[in-house]
Amino acid sequence: MSLRYHVVSIAAVLLALALGVVLGASALSGRVLGALTSDRDQLAGQVVAVRGERDAAEARLRATEGLVAAGAPSTVAGVLPGRGVAVLAAPDADPADVDAVAGLVESAGGRVTGRLALTDAALAPDQAEALRALVPRLLPAGAQLPSTTDTGSLTGSLLGSLLVARPGGAGEQATGTEATTALRALADGGFLRVPDALDPAPAELALVVTGGRADPPRDATLTRLAGEMDRVGAGAVIAGRTGSGAVSAVRADPALRSGLSTVDALEGPASRVATVLALREQADGRAGVYGPQAGTFTPQPAVG
C-alpha cells in the first residue's frame, strides 16, 4: 500500500466524521428549535390569557368603582348632621380629590366651613425659620402655642385656633375678623392659598388632603400640623392618594395614629366614602385606619 492510499484513507475518514457531525448537529438543532418554538407558542398563549384576565379584572373594578361613586351620596347621607369641617389641602393634593370629598361632606349633612391650601413654602425646611417667626404674631387672643420649636406643630396650633374648636368651646375660637386677618397674613407670606371671598366659620373637625408623593421632611411637618389641629379641635382625618408619605408617616407613629384617622388611595370612590365615615368616627372620639392598604373602608362600631 502506497503513501497515497494512506492519505486518501485518512481524508475519507475525516470527511465521514465531518459529515456525521454536521448531520447530527442539524438533527439536534431541529429538535431543539422545535422544542423552543413549542415553548414560545405556549408562553404566548399564556400571555394572551393573563392579559385577558387583567382586562376583565380592570373592567370589573371600573364597574364596581362606578357603582360605589354613584351610591356614595346616599351611603354617607346623614353621617355628619350639622358638623363643620375645615378642609386643608397639601401642596400635592389633587383638586379632584378635594372637590369630591368636600362634596361628600355636604351630602353627609355637614358644612365645609373653609377650603384652604398650603403652599410648598409651608412645608419647605428652608422656610421653617420664617414661618416660626410669623406664627406667634398671628395668634388670636386667648390662644396658646405648644412649648416646642417644631414648625409643623406651631403652624397646626395656629391653624387650629383659627379654624376649629371643640364643641362647647366656641368662646375660645378666634373671631371672624381675627381669623381672616391671620389667614390673609399667612397667604401674604407665601405659606397659604385662600379664596378671594374668605369668611371662615368655626368648625369642629379638620380634614387634611394630600397627594401620592413621599418626602420625609415635608411629610413630618404635615403630619405634626395635622396632629395639632386634631388636638385643638374635635378631631382630624388625613387622607391621601396611593403612595402618600404623610399617611404612611402617621401610621408609623403610635402617638399620631392614636389621635388621627388615616385613609389611603383617595383617588378611589370607596376611600372617599371612608374619609367621610372617618370624620364621623373622629366626632365620636375614635380613630382608625382605612383604605386598600388597611384592608377596610368602614369604621367599626364603638364597643359598649
C-alpha atoms as a PDB file:
ATOM      1  CA  MET A   1       0.000   0.000   0.000  1.00  0.00           C
ATOM      2  CA  SER A   2       1.383   3.331  -1.047  1.00  0.00           C
ATOM      3  CA  LEU A   3       1.541   6.587   0.870  1.00  0.00           C
ATOM      4  CA  ARG A   4      -1.126   7.904  -1.462  1.00  0.00           C
ATOM      5  CA  TYR A   5      -3.506   5.173  -0.308  1.00  0.00           C
ATOM      6  CA  HIS A   6      -2.983   6.102   3.351  1.00  0.00           C
ATOM      7  CA  VAL A   7      -3.554   9.792   2.655  1.00  0.00           C
ATOM      8  CA  VAL A   8      -6.771   9.069   0.761  1.00  0.00           C
ATOM      9  CA  SER A   9      -7.997   6.729   3.525  1.00  0.00           C
ATOM     10  CA  ILE A  10      -7.359   9.274   6.271  1.00  0.00           C
ATOM     11  CA  ALA A  11      -9.079  12.013   4.237  1.00  0.00           C
ATOM     12  CA  ALA A  12     -12.095   9.763   3.724  1.00  0.00           C
ATOM     13  CA  VAL A  13     -12.334   9.054   7.467  1.00  0.00           C
ATOM     14  CA  LEU A  14     -12.107  12.767   8.344  1.00  0.00           C
ATOM     15  CA  LEU A  15     -14.711  13.629   5.720  1.00  0.00           C
ATOM     16  CA  ALA A  16     -17.039  10.968   7.124  1.00  0.00           C
ATOM     17  CA  LEU A  17     -16.584  12.350  10.639  1.00  0.00           C
ATOM     18  CA  ALA A  18     -17.288  15.871   9.463  1.00  0.00           C
ATOM     19  CA  LEU A  19     -20.414  14.807   7.633  1.00  0.00           C
ATOM     20  CA  GLY A  20     -21.577  12.888  10.709  1.00  0.00           C
ATOM     21  CA  VAL A  21     -21.077  15.904  12.937  1.00  0.00           C
ATOM     22  CA  VAL A  22     -22.919  18.184  10.523  1.00  0.00           C
ATOM     23  CA  LEU A  23     -25.809  15.792  10.076  1.00  0.00           C
ATOM     24  CA  GLY A  24     -26.061  15.102  13.808  1.00  0.00           C
ATOM     25  CA  ALA A  25     -25.936  18.774  14.679  1.00  0.00           C
ATOM     26  CA  SER A  26     -28.591  19.516  12.100  1.00  0.00           C
ATOM     27  CA  ALA A  27     -30.899  16.893  13.551  1.00  0.00           C
ATOM     28  CA  LEU A  28     -30.250  18.111  17.108  1.00  0.00           C
ATOM     29  CA  SER A  29     -30.778  21.734  16.088  1.00  0.00           C
ATOM     30  CA  GLY A  30     -34.057  20.819  14.502  1.00  0.00           C
ATOM     31  CA  ARG A  31     -35.285  19.111  17.661  1.00  0.00           C
ATOM     32  CA  VAL A  32     -34.111  21.987  19.898  1.00  0.00           C
ATOM     33  CA  LEU A  33     -35.646  24.567  17.586  1.00  0.00           C
ATOM     34  CA  GLY A  34     -38.873  22.654  17.522  1.00  0.00           C
ATOM     35  CA  ALA A  35     -38.973  22.481  21.325  1.00  0.00           C
ATOM     36  CA  LEU A  36     -38.209  26.202  21.641  1.00  0.00           C
ATOM     37  CA  THR A  37     -40.903  27.058  19.121  1.00  0.00           C
ATOM     38  CA  SER A  38     -43.413  24.993  21.065  1.00  0.00           C
ATOM     39  CA  ASP A  39     -42.416  26.681  24.351  1.00  0.00           C
ATOM     40  CA  ARG A  40     -42.683  30.080  22.715  1.00  0.00           C
ATOM     41  CA  ASP A  41     -46.169  29.338  21.441  1.00  0.00           C
ATOM     42  CA  GLN A  42     -47.260  28.102  24.886  1.00  0.00           C
ATOM     43  CA  LEU A  43     -45.854  31.210  26.597  1.00  0.00           C
ATOM     44  CA  ALA A  44     -47.515  33.460  24.030  1.00  0.00           C
ATOM     45  CA  GLY A  45     -50.811  31.763  24.770  1.00  0.00           C
ATOM     46  CA  GLN A  46     -50.316  32.216  28.492  1.00  0.00           C
ATOM     47  CA  VAL A  47     -49.539  35.913  27.994  1.00  0.00           C
ATOM     48  CA  VAL A  48     -52.728  36.360  25.988  1.00  0.00           C
ATOM     49  CA  ALA A  49     -54.715  34.579  28.718  1.00  0.00           C
ATOM     50  CA  VAL A  50     -53.175  36.685  31.510  1.00  0.00           C
ATOM     51  CA  ARG A  51     -53.847  39.880  29.577  1.00  0.00           C
ATOM     52  CA  GLY A  52     -57.446  38.828  29.126  1.00  0.00           C
ATOM     53  CA  GLU A  53     -57.795  38.141  32.857  1.00  0.00           C
ATOM     54  CA  ARG A  54     -56.205  41.506  33.651  1.00  0.00           C
ATOM     55  CA  ASP A  55     -58.512  43.348  31.278  1.00  0.00           C
ATOM     56  CA  ALA A  56     -61.537  41.559  32.750  1.00  0.00           C
ATOM     57  CA  ALA A  57     -60.439  42.393  36.296  1.00  0.00           C
ATOM     58  CA  GLU A  58     -59.927  46.056  35.357  1.00  0.00           C
ATOM     59  CA  ALA A  59     -63.367  46.154  33.772  1.00  0.00           C
ATOM     60  CA  ARG A  60     -64.931  44.687  36.915  1.00  0.00           C
ATOM     61  CA  LEU A  61     -63.030  47.197  39.049  1.00  0.00           C
ATOM     62  CA  ARG A  62     -64.215  50.122  36.933  1.00  0.00           C
ATOM     63  CA  ALA A  63     -67.779  48.887  37.132  1.00  0.00           C
ATOM     64  CA  THR A  64     -67.533  48.477  40.910  1.00  0.00           C
ATOM     65  CA  GLU A  65     -65.988  51.926  41.356  1.00  0.00           C
ATOM     66  CA  GLY A  66     -68.714  53.418  39.179  1.00  0.00           C
ATOM     67  CA  LEU A  67     -71.363  51.791  41.344  1.00  0.00           C
ATOM     68  CA  VAL A  68     -69.679  52.975  44.560  1.00  0.00           C
ATOM     69  CA  ALA A  69     -69.314  56.514  43.200  1.00  0.00           C
ATOM     70  CA  ALA A  70     -72.957  56.624  42.141  1.00  0.00           C
ATOM     71  CA  GLY A  71     -74.122  55.436  45.540  1.00  0.00           C
ATOM     72  CA  ALA A  72     -71.659  57.478  47.609  1.00  0.00           C
ATOM     73  CA  PRO A  73     -74.004  60.391  48.434  1.00  0.00           C
ATOM     74  CA  SER A  74     -76.711  58.050  49.743  1.00  0.00           C
ATOM     75  CA  THR A  75     -74.114  55.960  51.590  1.00  0.00           C
ATOM     76  CA  VAL A  76     -72.953  58.936  53.674  1.00  0.00           C
ATOM     77  CA  ALA A  77     -76.323  60.701  53.944  1.00  0.00           C
ATOM     78  CA  GLY A  78     -76.895  61.951  57.484  1.00  0.00           C
ATOM     79  CA  VAL A  79     -73.459  60.870  58.752  1.00  0.00           C
ATOM     80  CA  LEU A  80     -72.325  64.421  59.639  1.00  0.00           C
ATOM     81  CA  PRO A  81     -75.518  66.283  60.568  1.00  0.00           C
ATOM     82  CA  GLY A  82     -74.625  69.934  61.134  1.00  0.00           C
ATOM     83  CA  ARG A  83     -70.918  69.188  61.635  1.00  0.00           C
ATOM     84  CA  GLY A  84     -68.488  71.839  60.466  1.00  0.00           C
ATOM     85  CA  VAL A  85     -65.411  70.597  58.598  1.00  0.00           C
ATOM     86  CA  ALA A  86     -62.379  72.723  57.704  1.00  0.00           C
ATOM     87  CA  VAL A  87     -60.615  71.340  54.614  1.00  0.00           C
ATOM     88  CA  LEU A  88     -56.880  71.929  54.237  1.00  0.00           C
ATOM     89  CA  ALA A  89     -55.111  70.753  51.070  1.00  0.00           C
ATOM     90  CA  ALA A  90     -51.407  69.888  50.998  1.00  0.00           C
ATOM     91  CA  PRO A  91     -49.360  71.283  48.090  1.00  0.00           C
ATOM     92  CA  ASP A  92     -49.539  67.987  46.160  1.00  0.00           C
ATOM     93  CA  ALA A  93     -53.249  67.336  46.767  1.00  0.00           C
ATOM     94  CA  ASP A  94     -55.281  66.659  43.637  1.00  0.00           C
ATOM     95  CA  PRO A  95     -58.082  69.251  43.283  1.00  0.00           C
ATOM     96  CA  ALA A  96     -60.424  66.479  42.101  1.00  0.00           C
ATOM     97  CA  ASP A  97     -59.948  64.679  45.423  1.00  0.00           C
ATOM     98  CA  VAL A  98     -60.613  67.852  47.403  1.00  0.00           C
ATOM     99  CA  ASP A  99     -63.743  68.609  45.383  1.00  0.00           C
ATOM    100  CA  ALA A 100     -65.062  65.064  45.691  1.00  0.00           C
ATOM    101  CA  VAL A 101     -64.575  64.763  49.438  1.00  0.00           C
ATOM    102  CA  ALA A 102     -65.913  68.261  50.122  1.00  0.00           C
ATOM    103  CA  GLY A 103     -68.994  67.367  48.114  1.00  0.00           C
ATOM    104  CA  LEU A 104     -69.493  64.189  50.138  1.00  0.00           C
ATOM    105  CA  VAL A 105     -69.201  66.158  53.382  1.00  0.00           C
ATOM    106  CA  GLU A 106     -72.122  68.259  52.172  1.00  0.00           C
ATOM    107  CA  SER A 107     -74.025  65.105  51.151  1.00  0.00           C
ATOM    108  CA  ALA A 108     -73.475  63.790  54.672  1.00  0.00           C
ATOM    109  CA  GLY A 109     -75.214  66.840  56.140  1.00  0.00           C
ATOM    110  CA  GLY A 110     -72.002  68.565  57.133  1.00  0.00           C
ATOM    111  CA  ARG A 111     -70.754  72.065  56.356  1.00  0.00           C
ATOM    112  CA  VAL A 112     -67.440  72.850  54.713  1.00  0.00           C
ATOM    113  CA  THR A 113     -66.536  75.940  56.711  1.00  0.00           C
ATOM    114  CA  GLY A 114     -63.404  76.749  54.743  1.00  0.00           C
ATOM    115  CA  ARG A 115     -61.206  75.363  51.975  1.00  0.00           C
ATOM    116  CA  LEU A 116     -57.586  76.415  52.224  1.00  0.00           C
ATOM    117  CA  ALA A 117     -54.376  75.132  50.653  1.00  0.00           C
ATOM    118  CA  LEU A 118     -50.843  75.036  51.994  1.00  0.00           C
ATOM    119  CA  THR A 119     -48.076  76.157  49.644  1.00  0.00           C
ATOM    120  CA  ASP A 120     -44.735  74.437  49.122  1.00  0.00           C
ATOM    121  CA  ALA A 121     -43.144  77.074  51.361  1.00  0.00           C
ATOM    122  CA  ALA A 122     -45.299  75.985  54.321  1.00  0.00           C
ATOM    123  CA  LEU A 123     -43.576  72.591  54.353  1.00  0.00           C
ATOM    124  CA  ALA A 124     -40.148  73.529  52.995  1.00  0.00           C
ATOM    125  CA  PRO A 125     -37.317  73.067  55.526  1.00  0.00           C
ATOM    126  CA  ASP A 126     -35.545  76.196  54.279  1.00  0.00           C
ATOM    127  CA  GLN A 127     -38.649  78.297  55.060  1.00  0.00           C
ATOM    128  CA  ALA A 128     -39.233  76.887  58.541  1.00  0.00           C
ATOM    129  CA  GLU A 129     -37.494  79.702  60.397  1.00  0.00           C
ATOM    130  CA  ALA A 130     -39.528  82.400  58.628  1.00  0.00           C
ATOM    131  CA  LEU A 131     -42.777  80.556  59.359  1.00  0.00           C
ATOM    132  CA  ARG A 132     -41.857  80.026  63.022  1.00  0.00           C
ATOM    133  CA  ALA A 133     -41.219  83.745  63.370  1.00  0.00           C
ATOM    134  CA  LEU A 134     -44.567  84.654  61.792  1.00  0.00           C
ATOM    135  CA  VAL A 135     -46.841  82.262  63.713  1.00  0.00           C
ATOM    136  CA  PRO A 136     -46.684  83.905  67.180  1.00  0.00           C
ATOM    137  CA  ARG A 137     -47.536  87.308  65.717  1.00  0.00           C
ATOM    138  CA  LEU A 138     -50.789  85.926  64.258  1.00  0.00           C
ATOM    139  CA  LEU A 139     -52.032  84.012  67.276  1.00  0.00           C
ATOM    140  CA  PRO A 140     -55.531  85.182  68.318  1.00  0.00           C
ATOM    141  CA  ALA A 141     -56.170  86.472  71.830  1.00  0.00           C
ATOM    142  CA  GLY A 142     -56.503  83.707  74.401  1.00  0.00           C
ATOM    143  CA  ALA A 143     -54.872  81.015  72.254  1.00  0.00           C
ATOM    144  CA  GLN A 144     -51.605  79.375  73.306  1.00  0.00           C
ATOM    145  CA  LEU A 145     -48.889  77.710  71.306  1.00  0.00           C
ATOM    146  CA  PRO A 146     -47.325  74.413  72.418  1.00  0.00           C
ATOM    147  CA  SER A 147     -43.911  74.513  74.054  1.00  0.00           C
ATOM    148  CA  THR A 148     -41.939  73.413  71.024  1.00  0.00           C
ATOM    149  CA  THR A 149     -39.853  74.782  68.190  1.00  0.00           C
ATOM    150  CA  ASP A 150     -41.307  72.301  65.702  1.00  0.00           C
ATOM    151  CA  THR A 151     -42.685  74.219  62.722  1.00  0.00           C
ATOM    152  CA  GLY A 152     -45.452  71.756  61.947  1.00  0.00           C
ATOM    153  CA  SER A 153     -46.778  71.745  65.490  1.00  0.00           C
ATOM    154  CA  LEU A 154     -46.683  75.539  65.773  1.00  0.00           C
ATOM    155  CA  THR A 155     -48.398  76.034  62.402  1.00  0.00           C
ATOM    156  CA  GLY A 156     -51.018  73.403  63.210  1.00  0.00           C
ATOM    157  CA  SER A 157     -51.736  75.037  66.539  1.00  0.00           C
ATOM    158  CA  LEU A 158     -52.236  78.407  64.854  1.00  0.00           C
ATOM    159  CA  LEU A 159     -54.452  76.993  62.113  1.00  0.00           C
ATOM    160  CA  GLY A 160     -56.384  75.020  64.690  1.00  0.00           C
ATOM    161  CA  SER A 161     -57.077  78.146  66.740  1.00  0.00           C
ATOM    162  CA  LEU A 162     -58.276  79.907  63.578  1.00  0.00           C
ATOM    163  CA  LEU A 163     -60.355  77.139  62.017  1.00  0.00           C
ATOM    164  CA  VAL A 164     -61.545  74.534  64.532  1.00  0.00           C
ATOM    165  CA  ALA A 165     -62.812  74.282  68.081  1.00  0.00           C
ATOM    166  CA  ARG A 166     -64.178  71.571  70.299  1.00  0.00           C
ATOM    167  CA  PRO A 167     -67.953  71.508  70.837  1.00  0.00           C
ATOM    168  CA  GLY A 168     -68.848  73.958  73.561  1.00  0.00           C
ATOM    169  CA  GLY A 169     -65.543  75.775  73.153  1.00  0.00           C
ATOM    170  CA  ALA A 170     -66.737  78.418  70.725  1.00  0.00           C
ATOM    171  CA  GLY A 171     -65.781  81.109  73.220  1.00  0.00           C
ATOM    172  CA  GLU A 172     -62.143  80.176  72.656  1.00  0.00           C
ATOM    173  CA  GLN A 173     -62.493  80.360  68.870  1.00  0.00           C
ATOM    174  CA  ALA A 174     -60.929  83.302  67.072  1.00  0.00           C
ATOM    175  CA  THR A 175     -63.388  85.908  65.883  1.00  0.00           C
ATOM    176  CA  GLY A 176     -64.123  86.121  62.186  1.00  0.00           C
ATOM    177  CA  THR A 177     -62.006  89.251  61.870  1.00  0.00           C
ATOM    178  CA  GLU A 178     -59.057  87.707  63.734  1.00  0.00           C
ATOM    179  CA  ALA A 179     -59.196  84.550  61.644  1.00  0.00           C
ATOM    180  CA  THR A 180     -59.482  86.400  58.351  1.00  0.00           C
ATOM    181  CA  THR A 181     -56.607  88.758  59.209  1.00  0.00           C
ATOM    182  CA  ALA A 182     -54.303  85.935  60.296  1.00  0.00           C
ATOM    183  CA  LEU A 183     -55.097  83.727  57.297  1.00  0.00           C
ATOM    184  CA  ARG A 184     -54.539  86.642  54.929  1.00  0.00           C
ATOM    185  CA  ALA A 185     -51.182  87.300  56.579  1.00  0.00           C
ATOM    186  CA  LEU A 186     -50.167  83.658  56.053  1.00  0.00           C
ATOM    187  CA  ALA A 187     -51.201  84.000  52.417  1.00  0.00           C
ATOM    188  CA  ASP A 188     -49.260  87.255  52.030  1.00  0.00           C
ATOM    189  CA  GLY A 189     -46.217  85.487  53.483  1.00  0.00           C
ATOM    190  CA  GLY A 190     -46.486  82.825  50.786  1.00  0.00           C
ATOM    191  CA  PHE A 191     -47.461  79.978  53.133  1.00  0.00           C
ATOM    192  CA  LEU A 192     -51.162  79.592  52.350  1.00  0.00           C
ATOM    193  CA  ARG A 193     -53.610  79.953  49.463  1.00  0.00           C
ATOM    194  CA  VAL A 194     -57.015  81.293  50.430  1.00  0.00           C
ATOM    195  CA  PRO A 195     -60.164  82.028  48.416  1.00  0.00           C
ATOM    196  CA  ASP A 196     -60.911  85.617  47.459  1.00  0.00           C
ATOM    197  CA  ALA A 197     -64.126  85.528  49.474  1.00  0.00           C
ATOM    198  CA  LEU A 198     -62.586  84.400  52.748  1.00  0.00           C
ATOM    199  CA  ASP A 199     -65.098  84.096  55.566  1.00  0.00           C
ATOM    200  CA  PRO A 200     -64.033  81.215  57.830  1.00  0.00           C
ATOM    201  CA  ALA A 201     -66.645  79.884  60.224  1.00  0.00           C
ATOM    202  CA  PRO A 202     -65.874  77.759  63.277  1.00  0.00           C
ATOM    203  CA  ALA A 203     -65.595  74.037  62.524  1.00  0.00           C
ATOM    204  CA  GLU A 204     -65.392  71.014  64.795  1.00  0.00           C
ATOM    205  CA  LEU A 205     -63.392  68.746  62.513  1.00  0.00           C
ATOM    206  CA  ALA A 206     -60.392  69.140  60.213  1.00  0.00           C
ATOM    207  CA  LEU A 207     -59.677  67.237  57.008  1.00  0.00           C
ATOM    208  CA  VAL A 208     -56.158  67.333  55.578  1.00  0.00           C
ATOM    209  CA  VAL A 209     -55.938  66.110  51.971  1.00  0.00           C
ATOM    210  CA  THR A 210     -52.622  65.024  50.432  1.00  0.00           C
ATOM    211  CA  GLY A 211     -51.446  63.611  47.123  1.00  0.00           C
ATOM    212  CA  GLY A 212     -49.388  60.491  46.498  1.00  0.00           C
ATOM    213  CA  ARG A 213     -45.907  61.916  46.981  1.00  0.00           C
ATOM    214  CA  ALA A 214     -43.435  60.835  49.651  1.00  0.00           C
ATOM    215  CA  ASP A 215     -40.961  63.409  51.001  1.00  0.00           C
ATOM    216  CA  PRO A 216     -39.964  62.551  54.593  1.00  0.00           C
ATOM    217  CA  PRO A 217     -39.046  66.059  55.841  1.00  0.00           C
ATOM    218  CA  ARG A 218     -42.201  67.622  54.404  1.00  0.00           C
ATOM    219  CA  ASP A 219     -44.319  64.652  55.451  1.00  0.00           C
ATOM    220  CA  ALA A 220     -43.107  65.025  59.043  1.00  0.00           C
ATOM    221  CA  THR A 221     -44.095  68.700  59.083  1.00  0.00           C
ATOM    222  CA  LEU A 222     -47.520  67.997  57.598  1.00  0.00           C
ATOM    223  CA  THR A 223     -48.322  65.132  59.963  1.00  0.00           C
ATOM    224  CA  ARG A 224     -47.436  67.155  63.054  1.00  0.00           C
ATOM    225  CA  LEU A 225     -49.517  70.033  61.700  1.00  0.00           C
ATOM    226  CA  ALA A 226     -52.498  67.692  61.316  1.00  0.00           C
ATOM    227  CA  GLY A 227     -51.889  66.212  64.746  1.00  0.00           C
ATOM    228  CA  GLU A 228     -52.009  69.627  66.359  1.00  0.00           C
ATOM    229  CA  MET A 229     -55.245  70.516  64.555  1.00  0.00           C
ATOM    230  CA  ASP A 230     -56.676  67.266  65.898  1.00  0.00           C
ATOM    231  CA  ARG A 231     -55.637  68.266  69.420  1.00  0.00           C
ATOM    232  CA  VAL A 232     -57.168  71.737  69.183  1.00  0.00           C
ATOM    233  CA  GLY A 233     -60.445  70.664  67.563  1.00  0.00           C
ATOM    234  CA  ALA A 234     -62.802  67.727  67.942  1.00  0.00           C
ATOM    235  CA  GLY A 235     -60.866  65.503  65.553  1.00  0.00           C
ATOM    236  CA  ALA A 236     -58.981  65.325  62.283  1.00  0.00           C
ATOM    237  CA  VAL A 237     -58.530  62.991  59.327  1.00  0.00           C
ATOM    238  CA  ILE A 238     -55.583  62.905  56.945  1.00  0.00           C
ATOM    239  CA  ALA A 239     -56.380  61.314  53.581  1.00  0.00           C
ATOM    240  CA  GLY A 240     -54.090  60.884  50.602  1.00  0.00           C
ATOM    241  CA  ARG A 241     -53.576  59.126  47.317  1.00  0.00           C
ATOM    242  CA  THR A 242     -51.766  55.812  46.960  1.00  0.00           C
ATOM    243  CA  GLY A 243     -48.138  56.334  47.976  1.00  0.00           C
ATOM    244  CA  SER A 244     -48.826  59.274  50.296  1.00  0.00           C
ATOM    245  CA  GLY A 245     -45.835  59.649  52.570  1.00  0.00           C
ATOM    246  CA  ALA A 246     -47.838  61.654  55.102  1.00  0.00           C
ATOM    247  CA  VAL A 247     -50.440  58.896  55.523  1.00  0.00           C
ATOM    248  CA  SER A 248     -47.675  56.316  55.963  1.00  0.00           C
ATOM    249  CA  ALA A 249     -45.851  58.549  58.444  1.00  0.00           C
ATOM    250  CA  VAL A 250     -48.941  58.871  60.663  1.00  0.00           C
ATOM    251  CA  ARG A 251     -49.490  55.114  60.614  1.00  0.00           C
ATOM    252  CA  ALA A 252     -45.881  54.532  61.619  1.00  0.00           C
ATOM    253  CA  ASP A 253     -46.125  56.897  64.606  1.00  0.00           C
ATOM    254  CA  PRO A 254     -48.123  55.423  67.535  1.00  0.00           C
ATOM    255  CA  ALA A 255     -48.731  58.841  69.107  1.00  0.00           C
ATOM    256  CA  LEU A 256     -50.167  60.345  65.923  1.00  0.00           C
ATOM    257  CA  ARG A 257     -52.049  57.180  64.953  1.00  0.00           C
ATOM    258  CA  SER A 258     -53.881  57.130  68.273  1.00  0.00           C
ATOM    259  CA  GLY A 259     -55.466  60.517  67.519  1.00  0.00           C
ATOM    260  CA  LEU A 260     -55.618  60.937  63.736  1.00  0.00           C
ATOM    261  CA  SER A 261     -57.633  58.787  61.366  1.00  0.00           C
ATOM    262  CA  THR A 262     -55.960  57.992  58.048  1.00  0.00           C
ATOM    263  CA  VAL A 263     -57.294  56.993  54.614  1.00  0.00           C
ATOM    264  CA  ASP A 264     -55.167  55.814  51.688  1.00  0.00           C
ATOM    265  CA  ALA A 265     -55.951  55.587  47.936  1.00  0.00           C
ATOM    266  CA  LEU A 266     -58.108  58.712  47.974  1.00  0.00           C
ATOM    267  CA  GLU A 267     -58.300  58.561  44.173  1.00  0.00           C
ATOM    268  CA  GLY A 268     -60.887  55.799  44.567  1.00  0.00           C
ATOM    269  CA  PRO A 269     -64.562  56.386  45.445  1.00  0.00           C
ATOM    270  CA  ALA A 270     -64.542  53.835  48.261  1.00  0.00           C
ATOM    271  CA  SER A 271     -61.733  55.709  50.034  1.00  0.00           C
ATOM    272  CA  ARG A 272     -63.588  58.994  49.593  1.00  0.00           C
ATOM    273  CA  VAL A 273     -66.618  57.481  51.304  1.00  0.00           C
ATOM    274  CA  ALA A 274     -64.331  56.089  54.012  1.00  0.00           C
ATOM    275  CA  THR A 275     -62.972  59.606  54.597  1.00  0.00           C
ATOM    276  CA  VAL A 276     -66.427  60.933  55.475  1.00  0.00           C
ATOM    277  CA  LEU A 277     -67.106  57.930  57.714  1.00  0.00           C
ATOM    278  CA  ALA A 278     -63.745  58.519  59.402  1.00  0.00           C
ATOM    279  CA  LEU A 279     -64.725  62.141  60.080  1.00  0.00           C
ATOM    280  CA  ARG A 280     -67.828  60.912  61.846  1.00  0.00           C
ATOM    281  CA  GLU A 281     -65.721  58.452  63.810  1.00  0.00           C
ATOM    282  CA  GLN A 282     -63.468  61.323  64.865  1.00  0.00           C
ATOM    283  CA  ALA A 283     -66.503  63.296  66.014  1.00  0.00           C
ATOM    284  CA  ASP A 284     -67.373  60.287  68.172  1.00  0.00           C
ATOM    285  CA  GLY A 285     -63.935  60.370  69.780  1.00  0.00           C
ATOM    286  CA  ARG A 286     -62.349  57.444  67.948  1.00  0.00           C
ATOM    287  CA  ALA A 287     -59.628  56.995  65.332  1.00  0.00           C
ATOM    288  CA  GLY A 288     -58.981  54.395  62.661  1.00  0.00           C
ATOM    289  CA  VAL A 289     -57.016  53.329  59.572  1.00  0.00           C
ATOM    290  CA  TYR A 290     -58.871  52.903  56.262  1.00  0.00           C
ATOM    291  CA  GLY A 291     -58.314  52.200  52.578  1.00  0.00           C
ATOM    292  CA  PRO A 292     -56.981  49.308  50.470  1.00  0.00           C
ATOM    293  CA  GLN A 293     -53.700  49.178  52.380  1.00  0.00           C
ATOM    294  CA  ALA A 294     -55.596  48.994  55.656  1.00  0.00           C
ATOM    295  CA  GLY A 295     -57.875  46.267  54.330  1.00  0.00           C
ATOM    296  CA  THR A 296     -61.104  48.007  55.341  1.00  0.00           C
ATOM    297  CA  PHE A 297     -63.150  51.036  54.351  1.00  0.00           C
ATOM    298  CA  THR A 298     -65.688  51.004  57.150  1.00  0.00           C
ATOM    299  CA  PRO A 299     -65.108  52.171  60.736  1.00  0.00           C
ATOM    300  CA  GLN A 300     -66.158  49.562  63.255  1.00  0.00           C
ATOM    301  CA  PRO A 301     -68.955  50.361  65.737  1.00  0.00           C
ATOM    302  CA  ALA A 302     -67.858  51.579  69.148  1.00  0.00           C
ATOM    303  CA  VAL A 303     -67.734  48.863  71.789  1.00  0.00           C
ATOM    304  CA  GLY A 304     -70.293  49.188  74.610  1.00  0.00           C
END
